[in-house]
């Protein structure tokens, strides 16, 4: 799956290693776990929010409420 998501970037193994090395140099070894944890938490919150919105849309499509014009 990683290959499919990075396919449009056209990055090879060498480029990915270079990017990881640059990140390691910029942030240092002690900060990387903290950054990864924060990134994972952000991605998880985004997925939860998007699945919640998707569920609300599906619920409204399955159980449409009558509009105010139809009620009057």
Protein backbone atom coordinates (compact mmCIF):
# COMPACT_ATOMS: atom_id res chain seq x y z
CA UNK A 1 0.00 0.00 0.00
CA UNK A 2 2.90 2.33 0.68
CA UNK A 3 4.05 1.94 -2.90
CA UNK A 4 0.63 2.95 -4.22
CA UNK A 5 0.36 6.03 -2.04
CA UNK A 6 3.86 7.24 -2.94
CA UNK A 7 3.62 6.26 -6.59
CA UNK A 8 2.55 9.72 -7.70
CA UNK A 9 5.58 11.22 -5.97
CA UNK A 10 7.89 8.95 -7.97
CA UNK A 11 10.22 8.47 -5.01
CA UNK A 12 12.64 5.60 -4.91
CA UNK A 13 14.26 3.92 -1.94
CA UNK A 14 17.31 6.15 -2.11
CA UNK A 15 15.23 9.31 -2.02
CA UNK A 16 13.18 8.04 0.92
CA UNK A 17 16.34 7.21 2.86
CA UNK A 18 17.71 10.68 2.11
CA UNK A 19 14.48 12.31 3.32
CA UNK A 20 14.51 10.24 6.52
CA UNK A 21 18.15 11.18 7.12
CA UNK A 22 17.36 14.88 6.63
CA UNK A 23 14.48 14.63 9.10
CA UNK A 24 16.77 12.91 11.59
CA UNK A 25 19.33 15.69 11.21
CA UNK A 26 16.75 18.46 11.54
CA UNK A 27 14.87 17.18 14.56
CA UNK A 28 17.33 14.87 16.27
CA UNK A 29 16.82 11.36 17.58
CA UNK A 30 15.15 12.44 20.81
CA UNK A 31 12.40 14.44 19.10
CA UNK A 32 11.48 11.88 16.43
CA UNK A 33 9.32 9.61 18.64
CA UNK A 34 7.45 12.65 19.93
CA UNK A 35 6.89 13.95 16.40
CA UNK A 36 5.74 10.53 15.17
CA UNK A 37 3.36 10.20 18.11
CA UNK A 38 1.86 13.61 17.38
CA UNK A 39 1.55 12.82 13.69
CA UNK A 40 -0.16 9.51 14.45
CA UNK A 41 -2.57 11.19 16.85
CA UNK A 42 -3.43 13.83 14.26
CA UNK A 43 -4.04 11.23 11.57
CA UNK A 44 -6.23 9.20 13.94
CA UNK A 45 -8.31 12.26 14.85
CA UNK A 46 -8.72 13.13 11.18
CA UNK A 47 -9.88 9.60 10.35
CA UNK A 48 -12.32 9.61 13.27
CA UNK A 49 -13.77 12.95 12.19
CA UNK A 50 -14.08 11.90 8.56
CA UNK A 51 -15.75 8.61 9.47
CA UNK A 52 -18.16 10.50 11.75
CA UNK A 53 -19.11 12.85 8.94
CA UNK A 54 -19.49 9.93 6.55
CA UNK A 55 -21.77 8.16 9.03
CA UNK A 56 -23.91 11.29 9.45
CA UNK A 57 -24.31 11.60 5.69
CA UNK A 58 -25.27 7.94 5.35
CA UNK A 59 -27.76 8.25 8.21
CA UNK A 60 -29.37 11.32 6.67
CA UNK A 61 -29.64 9.55 3.32
CA UNK A 62 -31.24 6.47 4.90
CA UNK A 63 -33.59 8.40 7.19
CA UNK A 64 -34.38 11.71 5.53
CA UNK A 65 -36.21 14.15 7.75
CA UNK A 66 -39.06 16.05 6.12
CA UNK A 67 -38.15 19.62 5.32
CA UNK A 68 -39.91 22.54 6.99
CA UNK A 69 -41.91 23.26 3.82
CA UNK A 70 -43.31 19.72 3.78
CA UNK A 71 -44.34 19.94 7.45
CA UNK A 72 -46.47 23.07 6.95
